[in-house]
Each structure stands twice: as C-alpha cells, then as structure tokens.
Amino acid sequence: VTGGENPLHSAALNVPHGVNLMANTSVLGLGVPLTPVTVAFGSQVAF
C-alpha cells in the first residue's frame, strides 16, 4: 500500500524467485485496511 508494489507477488523472500502471495494465505483483506496500524505500531500489534 505505502510503496505502490504488486500485492500479489513479492521478491522480498525466496530470492531470487520471489513468492506468489495470491497462492499463499496473504490475507490482503486484513492487511490492507490494517496498514495504518502496521506502519504506526509494527507487525506484532497488527497481528
């Protein structure tokens, strides 16, 4: 959300191939609306 990156794929893990987030439990329906919480307080509080 904050970086305008593709929400369905990430190259931050499994370098050099990346991860198909849509094929994993990416819970974008929670992660996107909780972005302000994650940015302000971190991933543990968001979880």
ModelCIF file with pLDDT and N, C-alpha, C, O atoms, coordinates in Angstrom:
data_MODEL
#
_entry.id   MODEL 
#
_entity.id                         1 
_entity.type                       polymer 
_entity.pdbx_number_of_molecules   1 
#
_entity_poly.entity_id                      1 
_entity_poly.type                           'polypeptide(L)' 
_entity_poly.nstd_linkage                   no 
_entity_poly.nstd_monomer                   no 
_entity_poly.pdbx_seq_one_letter_code       VTGGENPLHSAALNVPHGVNLMANTSVLGLGVPLTPVTVAFGSQVAF 
_entity_poly.pdbx_seq_one_letter_code_can   VTGGENPLHSAALNVPHGVNLMANTSVLGLGVPLTPVTVAFGSQVAF 
_entity_poly.pdbx_strand_id                 A 
#
loop_
_entity_poly_seq.entity_id 
_entity_poly_seq.num 
_entity_poly_seq.mon_id 
_entity_poly_seq.hetero 
1 1  VAL n 
1 2  THR n 
1 3  GLY n 
1 4  GLY n 
1 5  GLU n 
1 6  ASN n 
1 7  PRO n 
1 8  LEU n 
1 9  HIS n 
1 10 SER n 
1 11 ALA n 
1 12 ALA n 
1 13 LEU n 
1 14 ASN n 
1 15 VAL n 
1 16 PRO n 
1 17 HIS n 
1 18 GLY n 
1 19 VAL n 
1 20 ASN n 
1 21 LEU n 
1 22 MET n 
1 23 ALA n 
1 24 ASN n 
1 25 THR n 
1 26 SER n 
1 27 VAL n 
1 28 LEU n 
1 29 GLY n 
1 30 LEU n 
1 31 GLY n 
1 32 VAL n 
1 33 PRO n 
1 34 LEU n 
1 35 THR n 
1 36 PRO n 
1 37 VAL n 
1 38 THR n 
1 39 VAL n 
1 40 ALA n 
1 41 PHE n 
1 42 GLY n 
1 43 SER n 
1 44 GLN n 
1 45 VAL n 
1 46 ALA n 
1 47 PHE n 
#
_struct_asym.id          A 
_struct_asym.entity_id   1 
#
loop_
_ma_qa_metric.id 
_ma_qa_metric.mode 
_ma_qa_metric.name 
_ma_qa_metric.software_group_id 
_ma_qa_metric.type 
1 global pLDDT . pLDDT 
2 local  pLDDT . pLDDT 
#
_ma_qa_metric_global.metric_id      1 
_ma_qa_metric_global.metric_value   96.72 
_ma_qa_metric_global.model_id       1 
_ma_qa_metric_global.ordinal_id     1 
#
loop_
_ma_qa_metric_local.label_asym_id 
_ma_qa_metric_local.label_comp_id 
_ma_qa_metric_local.label_seq_id 
_ma_qa_metric_local.metric_id 
_ma_qa_metric_local.metric_value 
_ma_qa_metric_local.model_id 
_ma_qa_metric_local.ordinal_id 
A VAL 1  2 97.00 1 1  
A THR 2  2 97.00 1 2  
A GLY 3  2 95.00 1 3  
A GLY 4  2 95.00 1 4  
A GLU 5  2 95.00 1 5  
A ASN 6  2 96.00 1 6  
A PRO 7  2 97.00 1 7  
A LEU 8  2 98.00 1 8  
A HIS 9  2 97.00 1 9  
A SER 10 2 97.00 1 10 
A ALA 11 2 95.00 1 11 
A ALA 12 2 95.00 1 12 
A LEU 13 2 94.00 1 13 
A ASN 14 2 94.00 1 14 
A VAL 15 2 94.00 1 15 
A PRO 16 2 94.00 1 16 
A HIS 17 2 94.00 1 17 
A GLY 18 2 95.00 1 18 
A VAL 19 2 96.00 1 19 
A ASN 20 2 97.00 1 20 
A LEU 21 2 97.00 1 21 
A MET 22 2 97.00 1 22 
A ALA 23 2 96.00 1 23 
A ASN 24 2 96.00 1 24 
A THR 25 2 95.00 1 25 
A SER 26 2 96.00 1 26 
A VAL 27 2 98.00 1 27 
A LEU 28 2 98.00 1 28 
A GLY 29 2 98.00 1 29 
A LEU 30 2 98.00 1 30 
A GLY 31 2 98.00 1 31 
A VAL 32 2 98.00 1 32 
A PRO 33 2 98.00 1 33 
A LEU 34 2 98.00 1 34 
A THR 35 2 98.00 1 35 
A PRO 36 2 98.00 1 36 
A VAL 37 2 98.00 1 37 
A THR 38 2 98.00 1 38 
A VAL 39 2 98.00 1 39 
A ALA 40 2 98.00 1 40 
A PHE 41 2 98.00 1 41 
A GLY 42 2 97.00 1 42 
A SER 43 2 98.00 1 43 
A GLN 44 2 98.00 1 44 
A VAL 45 2 98.00 1 45 
A ALA 46 2 98.00 1 46 
A PHE 47 2 98.00 1 47 
#
loop_
_atom_site.group_PDB 
_atom_site.id 
_atom_site.type_symbol 
_atom_site.label_atom_id 
_atom_site.label_alt_id 
_atom_site.label_comp_id 
_atom_site.label_asym_id 
_atom_site.label_entity_id 
_atom_site.label_seq_id 
_atom_site.pdbx_PDB_ins_code 
_atom_site.Cartn_x 
_atom_site.Cartn_y 
_atom_site.Cartn_z 
_atom_site.occupancy 
_atom_site.B_iso_or_equiv 
_atom_site.pdbx_formal_charge 
_atom_site.auth_seq_id 
_atom_site.auth_comp_id 
_atom_site.auth_asym_id 
_atom_site.auth_atom_id 
_atom_site.pdbx_PDB_model_num 
ATOM 1   N N  . VAL A 1 1  ? 0.833  -1.205  0.000  1.00 97.00 ? 1  VAL A N  1 
ATOM 2   C CA . VAL A 1 1  ? 0.000  0.000   0.000  1.00 97.00 ? 1  VAL A CA 1 
ATOM 3   C C  . VAL A 1 1  ? 0.865  1.251   0.000  1.00 97.00 ? 1  VAL A C  1 
ATOM 4   O O  . VAL A 1 1  ? 0.663  2.145   -0.822 1.00 97.00 ? 1  VAL A O  1 
ATOM 5   N N  . THR A 1 2  ? 1.820  1.322   0.909  1.00 97.00 ? 2  THR A N  1 
ATOM 6   C CA . THR A 1 2  ? 2.634  2.535   1.038  1.00 97.00 ? 2  THR A CA 1 
ATOM 7   C C  . THR A 1 2  ? 3.654  2.700   -0.080 1.00 97.00 ? 2  THR A C  1 
ATOM 8   O O  . THR A 1 2  ? 4.038  3.819   -0.418 1.00 97.00 ? 2  THR A O  1 
ATOM 9   N N  . GLY A 1 3  ? 4.094  1.579   -0.653 1.00 95.00 ? 3  GLY A N  1 
ATOM 10  C CA . GLY A 1 3  ? 5.109  1.664   -1.702 1.00 95.00 ? 3  GLY A CA 1 
ATOM 11  C C  . GLY A 1 3  ? 4.584  1.465   -3.104 1.00 95.00 ? 3  GLY A C  1 
ATOM 12  O O  . GLY A 1 3  ? 5.346  1.515   -4.069 1.00 95.00 ? 3  GLY A O  1 
ATOM 13  N N  . GLY A 1 4  ? 3.261  1.234   -3.230 1.00 95.00 ? 4  GLY A N  1 
ATOM 14  C CA . GLY A 1 4  ? 2.688  1.028   -4.556 1.00 95.00 ? 4  GLY A CA 1 
ATOM 15  C C  . GLY A 1 4  ? 3.193  -0.226  -5.246 1.00 95.00 ? 4  GLY A C  1 
ATOM 16  O O  . GLY A 1 4  ? 3.325  -0.246  -6.470 1.00 95.00 ? 4  GLY A O  1 
ATOM 17  N N  . GLU A 1 5  ? 3.481  -1.292  -4.467 1.00 95.00 ? 5  GLU A N  1 
ATOM 18  C CA . GLU A 1 5  ? 4.020  -2.519  -5.040 1.00 95.00 ? 5  GLU A CA 1 
ATOM 19  C C  . GLU A 1 5  ? 2.914  -3.515  -5.359 1.00 95.00 ? 5  GLU A C  1 
ATOM 20  O O  . GLU A 1 5  ? 1.785  -3.378  -4.889 1.00 95.00 ? 5  GLU A O  1 
ATOM 21  N N  . ASN A 1 6  ? 3.249  -4.513  -6.159 1.00 96.00 ? 6  ASN A N  1 
ATOM 22  C CA . ASN A 1 6  ? 2.298  -5.556  -6.535 1.00 96.00 ? 6  ASN A CA 1 
ATOM 23  C C  . ASN A 1 6  ? 1.895  -6.345  -5.297 1.00 96.00 ? 6  ASN A C  1 
ATOM 24  O O  . ASN A 1 6  ? 2.757  -6.982  -4.691 1.00 96.00 ? 6  ASN A O  1 
ATOM 25  N N  . PRO A 1 7  ? 0.624  -6.336  -4.889 1.00 97.00 ? 7  PRO A N  1 
ATOM 26  C CA . PRO A 1 7  ? 0.223  -7.057  -3.674 1.00 97.00 ? 7  PRO A CA 1 
ATOM 27  C C  . PRO A 1 7  ? 0.148  -8.562  -3.853 1.00 97.00 ? 7  PRO A C  1 
ATOM 28  O O  . PRO A 1 7  ? -0.002 -9.290  -2.871 1.00 97.00 ? 7  PRO A O  1 
ATOM 29  N N  . LEU A 1 8  ? 0.249  -9.050  -5.094 1.00 98.00 ? 8  LEU A N  1 
ATOM 30  C CA . LEU A 1 8  ? 0.077  -10.476 -5.363 1.00 98.00 ? 8  LEU A CA 1 
ATOM 31  C C  . LEU A 1 8  ? 1.395  -11.236 -5.428 1.00 98.00 ? 8  LEU A C  1 
ATOM 32  O O  . LEU A 1 8  ? 1.394  -12.466 -5.461 1.00 98.00 ? 8  LEU A O  1 
ATOM 33  N N  . HIS A 1 9  ? 2.503  -10.535 -5.445 1.00 97.00 ? 9  HIS A N  1 
ATOM 34  C CA . HIS A 1 9  ? 3.812  -11.182 -5.558 1.00 97.00 ? 9  HIS A CA 1 
ATOM 35  C C  . HIS A 1 9  ? 4.837  -10.368 -4.790 1.00 97.00 ? 9  HIS A C  1 
ATOM 36  O O  . HIS A 1 9  ? 4.722  -9.146  -4.702 1.00 97.00 ? 9  HIS A O  1 
ATOM 37  N N  . SER A 1 10 ? 5.841  -11.038 -4.232 1.00 97.00 ? 10 SER A N  1 
ATOM 38  C CA . SER A 1 10 ? 6.890  -10.332 -3.503 1.00 97.00 ? 10 SER A CA 1 
ATOM 39  C C  . SER A 1 10 ? 8.246  -10.951 -3.805 1.00 97.00 ? 10 SER A C  1 
ATOM 40  O O  . SER A 1 10 ? 8.397  -12.171 -3.868 1.00 97.00 ? 10 SER A O  1 
ATOM 41  N N  . ALA A 1 11 ? 9.229  -10.072 -3.989 1.00 95.00 ? 11 ALA A N  1 
ATOM 42  C CA . ALA A 1 11 ? 10.604 -10.520 -4.173 1.00 95.00 ? 11 ALA A CA 1 
ATOM 43  C C  . ALA A 1 11 ? 11.418 -10.367 -2.900 1.00 95.00 ? 11 ALA A C  1 
ATOM 44  O O  . ALA A 1 11 ? 12.631 -10.573 -2.911 1.00 95.00 ? 11 ALA A O  1 
ATOM 45  N N  . ALA A 1 12 ? 10.759 -10.008 -1.798 1.00 95.00 ? 12 ALA A N  1 
ATOM 46  C CA . ALA A 1 12 ? 11.478 -9.799  -0.542 1.00 95.00 ? 12 ALA A CA 1 
ATOM 47  C C  . ALA A 1 12 ? 11.884 -11.106 0.118  1.00 95.00 ? 12 ALA A C  1 
ATOM 48  O O  . ALA A 1 12 ? 12.793 -11.120 0.948  1.00 95.00 ? 12 ALA A O  1 
ATOM 49  N N  . LEU A 1 13 ? 11.225 -12.211 -0.237 1.00 94.00 ? 13 LEU A N  1 
ATOM 50  C CA . LEU A 1 13 ? 11.586 -13.539 0.258  1.00 94.00 ? 13 LEU A CA 1 
ATOM 51  C C  . LEU A 1 13 ? 11.915 -14.436 -0.936 1.00 94.00 ? 13 LEU A C  1 
ATOM 52  O O  . LEU A 1 13 ? 11.625 -14.106 -2.086 1.00 94.00 ? 13 LEU A O  1 
ATOM 53  N N  . ASN A 1 14 ? 12.522 -15.568 -0.630 1.00 94.00 ? 14 ASN A N  1 
ATOM 54  C CA . ASN A 1 14 ? 12.832 -16.570 -1.654 1.00 94.00 ? 14 ASN A CA 1 
ATOM 55  C C  . ASN A 1 14 ? 13.611 -15.965 -2.815 1.00 94.00 ? 14 ASN A C  1 
ATOM 56  O O  . ASN A 1 14 ? 13.360 -16.283 -3.977 1.00 94.00 ? 14 ASN A O  1 
ATOM 57  N N  . VAL A 1 15 ? 14.545 -15.102 -2.493 1.00 94.00 ? 15 VAL A N  1 
ATOM 58  C CA . VAL A 1 15 ? 15.409 -14.551 -3.536 1.00 94.00 ? 15 VAL A CA 1 
ATOM 59  C C  . VAL A 1 15 ? 16.193 -15.717 -4.175 1.00 94.00 ? 15 VAL A C  1 
ATOM 60  O O  . VAL A 1 15 ? 16.735 -16.550 -3.449 1.00 94.00 ? 15 VAL A O  1 
ATOM 61  N N  . PRO A 1 16 ? 16.262 -15.790 -5.493 1.00 94.00 ? 16 PRO A N  1 
ATOM 62  C CA . PRO A 1 16 ? 15.913 -14.766 -6.478 1.00 94.00 ? 16 PRO A CA 1 
ATOM 63  C C  . PRO A 1 16 ? 14.543 -14.929 -7.129 1.00 94.00 ? 16 PRO A C  1 
ATOM 64  O O  . PRO A 1 16 ? 14.219 -14.179 -8.051 1.00 94.00 ? 16 PRO A O  1 
ATOM 65  N N  . HIS A 1 17 ? 13.732 -15.880 -6.683 1.00 94.00 ? 17 HIS A N  1 
ATOM 66  C CA . HIS A 1 17 ? 12.493 -16.197 -7.405 1.00 94.00 ? 17 HIS A CA 1 
ATOM 67  C C  . HIS A 1 17 ? 11.266 -15.459 -6.869 1.00 94.00 ? 17 HIS A C  1 
ATOM 68  O O  . HIS A 1 17 ? 10.337 -15.183 -7.627 1.00 94.00 ? 17 HIS A O  1 
ATOM 69  N N  . GLY A 1 18 ? 11.250 -15.141 -5.594 1.00 95.00 ? 18 GLY A N  1 
ATOM 70  C CA . GLY A 1 18 ? 10.093 -14.486 -5.020 1.00 95.00 ? 18 GLY A CA 1 
ATOM 71  C C  . GLY A 1 18 ? 8.994  -15.462 -4.648 1.00 95.00 ? 18 GLY A C  1 
ATOM 72  O O  . GLY A 1 18 ? 9.145  -16.675 -4.795 1.00 95.00 ? 18 GLY A O  1 
ATOM 73  N N  . VAL A 1 19 ? 7.868  -14.911 -4.157 1.00 96.00 ? 19 VAL A N  1 
ATOM 74  C CA . VAL A 1 19 ? 6.760  -15.713 -3.641 1.00 96.00 ? 19 VAL A CA 1 
ATOM 75  C C  . VAL A 1 19 ? 5.456  -15.254 -4.280 1.00 96.00 ? 19 VAL A C  1 
ATOM 76  O O  . VAL A 1 19 ? 5.175  -14.058 -4.356 1.00 96.00 ? 19 VAL A O  1 
ATOM 77  N N  . ASN A 1 20 ? 4.674  -16.208 -4.732 1.00 97.00 ? 20 ASN A N  1 
ATOM 78  C CA . ASN A 1 20 ? 3.330  -15.930 -5.229 1.00 97.00 ? 20 ASN A CA 1 
ATOM 79  C C  . ASN A 1 20 ? 2.416  -15.784 -4.013 1.00 97.00 ? 20 ASN A C  1 
ATOM 80  O O  . ASN A 1 20 ? 1.989  -16.780 -3.429 1.00 97.00 ? 20 ASN A O  1 
ATOM 81  N N  . LEU A 1 21 ? 2.122  -14.559 -3.642 1.00 97.00 ? 21 LEU A N  1 
ATOM 82  C CA . LEU A 1 21 ? 1.333  -14.310 -2.433 1.00 97.00 ? 21 LEU A CA 1 
ATOM 83  C C  . LEU A 1 21 ? -0.126 -14.701 -2.626 1.00 97.00 ? 21 LEU A C  1 
ATOM 84  O O  . LEU A 1 21 ? -0.794 -15.075 -1.662 1.00 97.00 ? 21 LEU A O  1 
ATOM 85  N N  . MET A 1 22 ? -0.626 -14.621 -3.843 1.00 97.00 ? 22 MET A N  1 
ATOM 86  C CA . MET A 1 22 ? -2.013 -14.991 -4.089 1.00 97.00 ? 22 MET A CA 1 
ATOM 87  C C  . MET A 1 22 ? -2.206 -16.486 -3.892 1.00 97.00 ? 22 MET A C  1 
ATOM 88  O O  . MET A 1 22 ? -3.302 -16.934 -3.555 1.00 97.00 ? 22 MET A O  1 
ATOM 89  N N  . ALA A 1 23 ? -1.139 -17.266 -4.102 1.00 96.00 ? 23 ALA A N  1 
ATOM 90  C CA . ALA A 1 23 ? -1.208 -18.710 -3.912 1.00 96.00 ? 23 ALA A CA 1 
ATOM 91  C C  . ALA A 1 23 ? -0.914 -19.109 -2.476 1.00 96.00 ? 23 ALA A C  1 
ATOM 92  O O  . ALA A 1 23 ? -0.918 -20.296 -2.149 1.00 96.00 ? 23 ALA A O  1 
ATOM 93  N N  . ASN A 1 24 ? -0.660 -18.138 -1.619 1.00 96.00 ? 24 ASN A N  1 
ATOM 94  C CA . ASN A 1 24 ? -0.445 -18.375 -0.202 1.00 96.00 ? 24 ASN A CA 1 
ATOM 95  C C  . ASN A 1 24 ? -1.488 -17.583 0.594  1.00 96.00 ? 24 ASN A C  1 
ATOM 96  O O  . ASN A 1 24 ? -2.268 -16.820 0.025  1.00 96.00 ? 24 ASN A O  1 
ATOM 97  N N  . THR A 1 25 ? -1.490 -17.771 1.890  1.00 95.00 ? 25 THR A N  1 
ATOM 98  C CA . THR A 1 25 ? -2.513 -17.117 2.724  1.00 95.00 ? 25 THR A CA 1 
ATOM 99  C C  . THR A 1 25 ? -2.072 -15.690 3.041  1.00 95.00 ? 25 THR A C  1 
ATOM 100 O O  . THR A 1 25 ? -1.609 -15.402 4.145  1.00 95.00 ? 25 THR A O  1 
ATOM 101 N N  . SER A 1 26 ? -2.222 -14.804 2.062  1.00 96.00 ? 26 SER A N  1 
ATOM 102 C CA . SER A 1 26 ? -1.702 -13.442 2.206  1.00 96.00 ? 26 SER A CA 1 
ATOM 103 C C  . SER A 1 26 ? -2.636 -12.503 2.960  1.00 96.00 ? 26 SER A C  1 
ATOM 104 O O  . SER A 1 26 ? -2.223 -11.394 3.299  1.00 96.00 ? 26 SER A O  1 
ATOM 105 N N  . VAL A 1 27 ? -3.876 -12.899 3.235  1.00 98.00 ? 27 VAL A N  1 
ATOM 106 C CA . VAL A 1 27 ? -4.875 -12.125 3.999  1.00 98.00 ? 27 VAL A CA 1 
ATOM 107 C C  . VAL A 1 27 ? -4.829 -10.635 3.671  1.00 98.00 ? 27 VAL A C  1 
ATOM 108 O O  . VAL A 1 27 ? -4.774 -9.800  4.574  1.00 98.00 ? 27 VAL A O  1 
ATOM 109 N N  . LEU A 1 28 ? -4.852 -10.305 2.386  1.00 98.00 ? 28 LEU A N  1 
ATOM 110 C CA . LEU A 1 28 ? -4.860 -8.907  1.984  1.00 98.00 ? 28 LEU A CA 1 
ATOM 111 C C  . LEU A 1 28 ? -6.105 -8.184  2.496  1.00 98.00 ? 28 LEU A C  1 
ATOM 112 O O  . LEU A 1 28 ? -6.080 -6.973  2.718  1.00 98.00 ? 28 LEU A O  1 
ATOM 113 N N  . GLY A 1 29 ? -7.192 -8.932  2.680  1.00 98.00 ? 29 GLY A N  1 
ATOM 114 C CA . GLY A 1 29 ? -8.415 -8.317  3.196  1.00 98.00 ? 29 GLY A CA 1 
ATOM 115 C C  . GLY A 1 29 ? -8.272 -7.795  4.611  1.00 98.00 ? 29 GLY A C  1 
ATOM 116 O O  . GLY A 1 29 ? -9.050 -6.942  5.039  1.00 98.00 ? 29 GLY A O  1 
ATOM 117 N N  . LEU A 1 30 ? -7.284 -8.298  5.345  1.00 98.00 ? 30 LEU A N  1 
ATOM 118 C CA . LEU A 1 30 ? -6.956 -7.747  6.657  1.00 98.00 ? 30 LEU A CA 1 
ATOM 119 C C  . LEU A 1 30 ? -5.764 -6.807  6.576  1.00 98.00 ? 30 LEU A C  1 
ATOM 120 O O  . LEU A 1 30 ? -5.764 -5.745  7.200  1.00 98.00 ? 30 LEU A O  1 
ATOM 121 N N  . GLY A 1 31 ? -4.755 -7.188  5.817  1.00 98.00 ? 31 GLY A N  1 
ATOM 122 C CA . GLY A 1 31 ? -3.520 -6.422  5.787  1.00 98.00 ? 31 GLY A CA 1 
ATOM 123 C C  . GLY A 1 31 ? -3.673 -5.037  5.205  1.00 98.00 ? 31 GLY A C  1 
ATOM 124 O O  . GLY A 1 31 ? -3.073 -4.089  5.712  1.00 98.00 ? 31 GLY A O  1 
ATOM 125 N N  . VAL A 1 32 ? -4.462 -4.893  4.154  1.00 98.00 ? 32 VAL A N  1 
ATOM 126 C CA . VAL A 1 32 ? -4.610 -3.577  3.524  1.00 98.00 ? 32 VAL A CA 1 
ATOM 127 C C  . VAL A 1 32 ? -5.313 -2.593  4.462  1.00 98.00 ? 32 VAL A C  1 
ATOM 128 O O  . VAL A 1 32 ? -4.776 -1.509  4.689  1.00 98.00 ? 32 VAL A O  1 
ATOM 129 N N  . PRO A 1 33 ? -6.490 -2.915  5.021  1.00 98.00 ? 33 PRO A N  1 
ATOM 130 C CA . PRO A 1 33 ? -7.112 -1.939  5.934  1.00 98.00 ? 33 PRO A CA 1 
ATOM 131 C C  . PRO A 1 33 ? -6.331 -1.720  7.225  1.00 98.00 ? 33 PRO A C  1 
ATOM 132 O O  . PRO A 1 33 ? -6.476 -0.673  7.856  1.00 98.00 ? 33 PRO A O  1 
ATOM 133 N N  . LEU A 1 34 ? -5.506 -2.682  7.633  1.00 98.00 ? 34 LEU A N  1 
ATOM 134 C CA . LEU A 1 34 ? -4.716 -2.509  8.851  1.00 98.00 ? 34 LEU A CA 1 
ATOM 135 C C  . LEU A 1 34 ? -3.372 -1.833  8.586  1.00 98.00 ? 34 LEU A C  1 
ATOM 136 O O  . LEU A 1 34 ? -2.531 -1.765  9.483  1.00 98.00 ? 34 LEU A O  1 
ATOM 137 N N  . THR A 1 35 ? -3.160 -1.336  7.375  1.00 98.00 ? 35 THR A N  1 
ATOM 138 C CA . THR A 1 35 ? -1.891 -0.690  7.050  1.00 98.00 ? 35 THR A CA 1 
ATOM 139 C C  . THR A 1 35 ? -1.521 0.429   8.022  1.00 98.00 ? 35 THR A C  1 
ATOM 140 O O  . THR A 1 35 ? -0.366 0.484   8.445  1.00 98.00 ? 35 THR A O  1 
ATOM 141 N N  . PRO A 1 36 ? -2.435 1.321   8.400  1.00 98.00 ? 36 PRO A N  1 
ATOM 142 C CA . PRO A 1 36 ? -2.045 2.369   9.366  1.00 98.00 ? 36 PRO A CA 1 
ATOM 143 C C  . PRO A 1 36 ? -1.556 1.797   10.688 1.00 98.00 ? 36 PRO A C  1 
ATOM 144 O O  . PRO A 1 36 ? -0.624 2.336   11.286 1.00 98.00 ? 36 PRO A O  1 
ATOM 145 N N  . VAL A 1 37 ? -2.173 0.705   11.156 1.00 98.00 ? 37 VAL A N  1 
ATOM 146 C CA . VAL A 1 37 ? -1.741 0.073   12.395 1.00 98.00 ? 37 VAL A CA 1 
ATOM 147 C C  . VAL A 1 37 ? -0.353 -0.532  12.220 1.00 98.00 ? 37 VAL A C  1 
ATOM 148 O O  . VAL A 1 37 ? 0.513  -0.367  13.080 1.00 98.00 ? 37 VAL A O  1 
ATOM 149 N N  . THR A 1 38 ? -0.144 -1.223  11.120 1.00 98.00 ? 38 THR A N  1 
ATOM 150 C CA . THR A 1 38 ? 1.145  -1.869  10.873 1.00 98.00 ? 38 THR A CA 1 
ATOM 151 C C  . THR A 1 38 ? 2.266  -0.838  10.776 1.00 98.00 ? 38 THR A C  1 
ATOM 152 O O  . THR A 1 38 ? 3.336  -1.025  11.356 1.00 98.00 ? 38 THR A O  1 
ATOM 153 N N  . VAL A 1 39 ? 2.023  0.242   10.046 1.00 98.00 ? 39 VAL A N  1 
ATOM 154 C CA . VAL A 1 39 ? 3.049  1.264   9.868  1.00 98.00 ? 39 VAL A CA 1 
ATOM 155 C C  . VAL A 1 39 ? 3.351  1.967   11.184 1.00 98.00 ? 39 VAL A C  1 
ATOM 156 O O  . VAL A 1 39 ? 4.509  2.257   11.484 1.00 98.00 ? 39 VAL A O  1 
ATOM 157 N N  . ALA A 1 40 ? 2.308  2.245   11.976 1.00 98.00 ? 40 ALA A N  1 
ATOM 158 C CA . ALA A 1 40 ? 2.491  3.014   13.205 1.00 98.00 ? 40 ALA A CA 1 
ATOM 159 C C  . ALA A 1 40 ? 3.028  2.167   14.355 1.00 98.00 ? 40 ALA A C  1 
ATOM 160 O O  . ALA A 1 40 ? 3.837  2.652   15.147 1.00 98.00 ? 40 ALA A O  1 
ATOM 161 N N  . PHE A 1 41 ? 2.588  0.897   14.461 1.00 98.00 ? 41 PHE A N  1 
ATOM 162 C CA . PHE A 1 41 ? 2.907  0.109   15.650 1.00 98.00 ? 41 PHE A CA 1 
ATOM 163 C C  . PHE A 1 41 ? 3.643  -1.205  15.370 1.00 98.00 ? 41 PHE A C  1 
ATOM 164 O O  . PHE A 1 41 ? 4.085  -1.870  16.307 1.00 98.00 ? 41 PHE A O  1 
ATOM 165 N N  . GLY A 1 42 ? 3.777  -1.580  14.121 1.00 97.00 ? 42 GLY A N  1 
ATOM 166 C CA . GLY A 1 42 ? 4.521  -2.777  13.798 1.00 97.00 ? 42 GLY A CA 1 
ATOM 167 C C  . GLY A 1 42 ? 3.637  -3.975  13.533 1.00 97.00 ? 42 GLY A C  1 
ATOM 168 O O  . GLY A 1 42 ? 2.428  -3.945  13.762 1.00 97.00 ? 42 GLY A O  1 
ATOM 169 N N  . SER A 1 43 ? 4.273  -5.044  13.039 1.00 98.00 ? 43 SER A N  1 
ATOM 170 C CA . SER A 1 43 ? 3.538  -6.226  12.595 1.00 98.00 ? 43 SER A CA 1 
ATOM 171 C C  . SER A 1 43 ? 2.924  -7.006  13.749 1.00 98.00 ? 43 SER A C  1 
ATOM 172 O O  . SER A 1 43 ? 1.866  -7.610  13.573 1.00 98.00 ? 43 SER A O  1 
ATOM 173 N N  . GLN A 1 44 ? 3.547  -7.015  14.922 1.00 98.00 ? 44 GLN A N  1 
ATOM 174 C CA . GLN A 1 44 ? 3.002  -7.781  16.034 1.00 98.00 ? 44 GLN A CA 1 
ATOM 175 C C  . GLN A 1 44 ? 1.686  -7.193  16.505 1.00 98.00 ? 44 GLN A C  1 
ATOM 176 O O  . GLN A 1 44 ? 0.718  -7.926  16.709 1.00 98.00 ? 44 GLN A O  1 
ATOM 177 N N  . VAL A 1 45 ? 1.636  -5.878  16.680 1.00 98.00 ? 45 VAL A N  1 
ATOM 178 C CA . VAL A 1 45 ? 0.388  -5.232  17.084 1.00 98.00 ? 45 VAL A CA 1 
ATOM 179 C C  . VAL A 1 45 ? -0.675 -5.434  16.013 1.00 98.00 ? 45 VAL A C  1 
ATOM 180 O O  . VAL A 1 45 ? -1.835 -5.695  16.332 1.00 98.00 ? 45 VAL A O  1 
ATOM 181 N N  . ALA A 1 46 ? -0.290 -5.315  14.746 1.00 98.00 ? 46 ALA A N  1 
ATOM 182 C CA . ALA A 1 46 ? -1.263 -5.522  13.669 1.00 98.00 ? 46 ALA A CA 1 
ATOM 183 C C  . ALA A 1 46 ? -1.826 -6.929  13.710 1.00 98.00 ? 46 ALA A C  1 
ATOM 184 O O  . ALA A 1 46 ? -3.024 -7.121  13.499 1.00 98.00 ? 46 ALA A O  1 
ATOM 185 N N  . PHE A 1 47 ? -0.976 -7.922  13.981 1.00 98.00 ? 47 PHE A N  1 
ATOM 186 C CA . PHE A 1 47 ? -1.451 -9.303  14.064 1.00 98.00 ? 47 PHE A CA 1 
ATOM 187 C C  . PHE A 1 47 ? -2.445 -9.463  15.213 1.00 98.00 ? 47 PHE A C  1 
ATOM 188 O O  . PHE A 1 47 ? -2.954 -10.561 15.440 1.00 98.00 ? 47 PHE A O  1 
#
